Amino acid sequence: MNPIRVLITDDQALMREGLALLLSRNTELQVVGLAGHGKEALELTETLHPDVVLMDVRMPVMDGITATRELLRKHPNLKVILLTTFDDDTAIVEGARAGAHAYLLKDADPAAVAQAVTAVMSGEQRFYVPVASSTERIVAQRLSMPKDVEALSPREKDVLNLMAAGLENKRIAKALNLSESTVKNYVSTILAKLGVTDRTKAVLKAVALGWLAAPR
């Protein structure tokens, strides 16, 4: 079996070269190139034909979210794993909506990064929620995806779409001509049906379930 071809994209040379060194020790992976920003990743993908792109979120010239969207528009079979150094719920949601297949912290163990690479190549989506402990930042377990998630009503879908657009309850109420208390009830119902505890996780899970389209 041929090794998985990996392109690493990060604006910090030390980070991308260090990650390349660590991943090169895994015989199932082959690091085929290094890019310093999203635009360079687009260019190198055309010539190096990677299977998976490890993509930093925050970069100059072209950020990782924009690059992910462009890469997957041109190469729909490509897999993209987003990497960042901080807990950023917005990046998780935007990355999912851009079509990324996984999200990890840069300080994740190299074995976890390698595992994510092989997992996405097997068709899995791995969106992890970063959490802090008293001594270190760790990656929490994958969001559960029960097969029997209860479908949303048309009005609940309307509310969910506006949640995904970043609107708070007051603005959602105005947009849908509803009372704010009614919107709160809809949000509570949506969270319960999805089995999550906050709005960010609800949007992320809805994207993973295919209930929200990833914009191109």
Protein backbone atom coordinates (compact mmCIF):
# COMPACT_ATOMS: atom_id res chain seq x y z
CA MET A 1 0.00 0.00 0.00
CA ASN A 2 1.35 3.41 -0.96
CA PRO A 3 1.99 5.90 1.86
CA ILE A 4 -0.43 8.78 2.36
CA ARG A 5 0.94 11.91 0.71
CA VAL A 6 0.88 14.89 3.09
CA LEU A 7 1.37 18.61 2.43
CA ILE A 8 2.09 20.74 5.52
CA THR A 9 1.03 24.40 5.47
CA ASP A 10 2.15 26.79 8.22
CA ASP A 11 3.64 30.27 8.19
CA GLN A 12 6.15 29.34 10.90
CA ALA A 13 9.11 27.50 9.37
CA LEU A 14 10.02 25.85 12.66
CA MET A 15 6.51 24.48 13.05
CA ARG A 16 6.15 23.04 9.54
CA GLU A 17 9.67 21.61 9.47
CA GLY A 18 9.31 20.12 12.94
CA LEU A 19 5.98 18.54 12.09
CA ALA A 20 7.44 17.19 8.85
CA LEU A 21 10.29 15.58 10.79
CA LEU A 22 7.93 13.96 13.27
CA LEU A 23 5.51 12.66 10.64
CA SER A 24 8.34 11.34 8.45
CA ARG A 25 9.00 8.73 11.14
CA ASN A 26 5.64 7.15 10.33
CA THR A 27 6.07 4.73 7.44
CA GLU A 28 2.40 5.09 6.47
CA LEU A 29 2.90 8.79 5.69
CA GLN A 30 5.01 10.66 3.15
CA VAL A 31 5.51 14.42 3.55
CA VAL A 32 5.65 15.63 -0.05
CA GLY A 33 5.90 19.37 0.52
CA LEU A 34 5.87 22.39 2.83
CA ALA A 35 3.94 25.62 2.25
CA GLY A 36 4.20 28.93 4.10
CA HIS A 37 0.66 30.17 3.45
CA GLY A 38 -2.63 29.18 1.87
CA LYS A 39 -1.84 30.50 -1.59
CA GLU A 40 1.36 28.47 -1.71
CA ALA A 41 -0.61 25.41 -0.60
CA LEU A 42 -2.94 25.90 -3.58
CA GLU A 43 0.02 26.12 -5.94
CA LEU A 44 1.87 23.13 -4.50
CA THR A 45 -1.25 20.98 -4.52
CA GLU A 46 -1.37 21.32 -8.31
CA THR A 47 2.13 19.88 -8.70
CA LEU A 48 2.59 17.60 -5.69
CA HIS A 49 -0.88 16.00 -5.61
CA PRO A 50 -1.13 15.37 -1.85
CA ASP A 51 -3.81 13.16 -0.34
CA VAL A 52 -4.04 15.23 2.85
CA VAL A 53 -3.20 18.86 3.60
CA LEU A 54 -2.36 19.88 7.17
CA MET A 55 -3.46 23.52 7.24
CA ASP A 56 -2.68 26.25 9.76
CA VAL A 57 -5.72 28.46 10.38
CA ARG A 58 -4.04 31.85 10.86
CA MET A 59 -1.57 32.77 8.10
CA PRO A 60 -0.63 35.82 6.01
CA VAL A 61 -1.34 36.11 2.26
CA MET A 62 -4.17 33.56 2.46
CA ASP A 63 -5.61 32.11 5.67
CA GLY A 64 -6.30 28.44 6.20
CA ILE A 65 -10.10 28.68 6.03
CA THR A 66 -10.04 30.44 2.65
CA ALA A 67 -7.40 28.05 1.35
CA THR A 68 -9.42 25.05 2.51
CA ARG A 69 -12.51 26.30 0.69
CA GLU A 70 -10.54 26.88 -2.52
CA LEU A 71 -8.67 23.58 -2.33
CA LEU A 72 -11.82 21.54 -1.90
CA ARG A 73 -13.60 23.44 -4.65
CA LYS A 74 -10.84 22.42 -7.06
CA HIS A 75 -10.03 19.04 -5.53
CA PRO A 76 -13.15 17.59 -3.86
CA ASN A 77 -11.41 14.31 -3.02
CA LEU A 78 -8.63 16.04 -1.10
CA LYS A 79 -8.65 15.82 2.71
CA VAL A 80 -7.86 18.88 4.86
CA ILE A 81 -6.97 18.91 8.55
CA LEU A 82 -6.92 22.31 10.24
CA LEU A 83 -4.30 23.09 12.89
CA THR A 84 -4.21 26.01 15.31
CA THR A 85 -2.42 27.05 18.48
CA PHE A 86 -5.42 28.29 20.43
CA ASP A 87 -8.99 27.39 21.31
CA ASP A 88 -11.11 29.09 18.68
CA ASP A 89 -14.74 28.00 18.38
CA THR A 90 -15.21 30.29 15.40
CA ALA A 91 -12.37 28.58 13.55
CA ILE A 92 -13.89 25.17 14.28
CA VAL A 93 -17.24 26.18 12.83
CA GLU A 94 -15.82 28.09 9.86
CA GLY A 95 -13.45 25.23 9.13
CA ALA A 96 -16.29 22.72 9.16
CA ARG A 97 -18.38 24.91 6.89
CA ALA A 98 -15.42 25.29 4.51
CA GLY A 99 -15.37 21.50 4.23
CA ALA A 100 -12.39 20.60 6.43
CA HIS A 101 -12.32 17.01 7.60
CA ALA A 102 -10.62 17.46 10.97
CA TYR A 103 -9.47 20.07 13.45
CA LEU A 104 -6.59 19.66 15.90
CA LEU A 105 -4.42 21.80 18.13
CA LYS A 106 -0.82 22.22 17.03
CA ASP A 107 0.33 20.92 20.38
CA ALA A 108 -1.49 17.64 19.84
CA ASP A 109 0.72 14.58 20.12
CA PRO A 110 2.31 13.65 16.75
CA ALA A 111 0.67 10.24 17.04
CA ALA A 112 -2.72 11.96 17.26
CA VAL A 113 -1.96 13.99 14.13
CA ALA A 114 -0.90 10.86 12.27
CA GLN A 115 -4.02 9.08 13.48
CA ALA A 116 -6.19 11.94 12.22
CA VAL A 117 -4.49 11.73 8.81
CA THR A 118 -5.22 8.03 8.45
CA ALA A 119 -8.73 8.49 9.84
CA VAL A 120 -9.78 11.13 7.30
CA MET A 121 -8.37 8.98 4.52
CA SER A 122 -10.74 6.27 5.74
CA GLY A 123 -13.68 8.62 5.38
CA GLU A 124 -14.01 9.81 8.97
CA GLN A 125 -14.61 13.38 10.11
CA ARG A 126 -12.72 14.30 13.26
CA PHE A 127 -13.68 17.61 14.76
CA TYR A 128 -12.25 17.86 18.23
CA VAL A 129 -13.13 20.48 20.80
CA PRO A 130 -9.99 21.86 22.48
CA VAL A 131 -10.23 22.14 26.26
CA ALA A 132 -7.84 23.30 28.97
CA SER A 133 -6.64 21.32 31.98
CA SER A 134 -4.61 22.60 34.91
CA THR A 135 -1.33 21.57 33.31
CA GLU A 136 -1.86 21.34 29.59
CA ARG A 137 -4.28 21.84 26.74
CA ILE A 138 -5.66 18.59 25.44
CA VAL A 139 -7.99 17.51 22.70
CA ALA A 140 -11.36 16.24 23.88
CA GLN A 141 -13.18 13.30 22.36
CA ARG A 142 -14.81 13.50 18.98
CA LEU A 143 -18.31 14.93 18.94
CA SER A 144 -20.71 12.00 19.05
CA MET A 145 -22.81 11.45 15.95
CA PRO A 146 -25.80 9.28 16.89
CA LYS A 147 -27.57 7.70 13.95
CA ASP A 148 -31.01 8.40 15.39
CA VAL A 149 -30.77 12.19 15.66
CA GLU A 150 -34.29 13.58 15.55
CA ALA A 151 -34.97 15.70 12.48
CA LEU A 152 -35.56 19.41 12.88
CA SER A 153 -38.80 21.11 11.96
CA PRO A 154 -38.75 23.72 9.16
CA ARG A 155 -38.83 26.56 11.69
CA GLU A 156 -36.04 24.97 13.74
CA LYS A 157 -33.98 24.77 10.56
CA ASP A 158 -34.61 28.48 9.98
CA VAL A 159 -33.33 29.24 13.47
CA LEU A 160 -30.32 26.94 13.04
CA ASN A 161 -29.32 28.64 9.79
CA LEU A 162 -29.41 32.04 11.46
CA MET A 163 -27.42 30.66 14.39
CA ALA A 164 -24.82 29.48 11.88
CA ALA A 165 -24.72 33.01 10.45
CA GLY A 166 -23.76 34.28 13.91
CA LEU A 167 -27.04 35.96 14.86
CA GLU A 168 -28.02 36.22 18.51
CA ASN A 169 -31.55 35.43 19.69
CA LYS A 170 -32.75 39.02 19.47
CA ARG A 171 -31.72 39.35 15.83
CA ILE A 172 -33.09 35.90 14.98
CA ALA A 173 -36.41 36.90 16.52
CA LYS A 174 -36.52 40.06 14.41
CA ALA A 175 -35.57 38.22 11.22
CA LEU A 176 -38.24 35.55 11.69
CA ASN A 177 -40.87 37.84 13.22
CA LEU A 178 -40.92 35.85 16.45
CA SER A 179 -40.65 36.77 20.10
CA GLU A 180 -37.24 36.38 21.70
CA SER A 181 -38.64 33.87 24.20
CA THR A 182 -39.94 31.74 21.33
CA VAL A 183 -36.50 31.78 19.72
CA LYS A 184 -34.94 30.72 23.02
CA ASN A 185 -37.32 27.76 23.11
CA TYR A 186 -36.38 26.81 19.55
CA VAL A 187 -32.68 27.01 20.38
CA SER A 188 -33.17 24.80 23.44
CA THR A 189 -35.05 22.26 21.33
CA ILE A 190 -32.33 22.27 18.66
CA LEU A 191 -29.61 21.67 21.26
CA ALA A 192 -31.62 18.85 22.80
CA LYS A 193 -32.24 17.15 19.45
CA LEU A 194 -28.57 17.37 18.52
CA GLY A 195 -27.44 16.24 21.96
CA VAL A 196 -25.12 19.21 22.50
CA THR A 197 -24.80 21.90 25.14
CA ASP A 198 -24.08 25.10 23.23
CA ARG A 199 -24.73 26.90 19.95
CA THR A 200 -21.24 26.40 18.50
CA LYS A 201 -21.40 22.64 18.92
CA ALA A 202 -24.91 22.64 17.46
CA VAL A 203 -23.76 24.38 14.28
CA LEU A 204 -20.67 22.18 13.99
CA LYS A 205 -22.66 19.01 14.45
CA ALA A 206 -25.31 20.14 11.96
CA VAL A 207 -22.57 20.71 9.37
CA ALA A 208 -21.11 17.26 10.02
CA LEU A 209 -24.58 15.71 9.68
CA GLY A 210 -25.13 17.50 6.39
CA TRP A 211 -27.92 19.72 7.73
CA LEU A 212 -25.97 22.87 6.89
CA ALA A 213 -24.29 23.22 3.53
CA ALA A 214 -20.59 24.05 3.47
CA PRO A 215 -20.27 27.23 1.38
CA ARG A 216 -17.98 27.18 -1.64
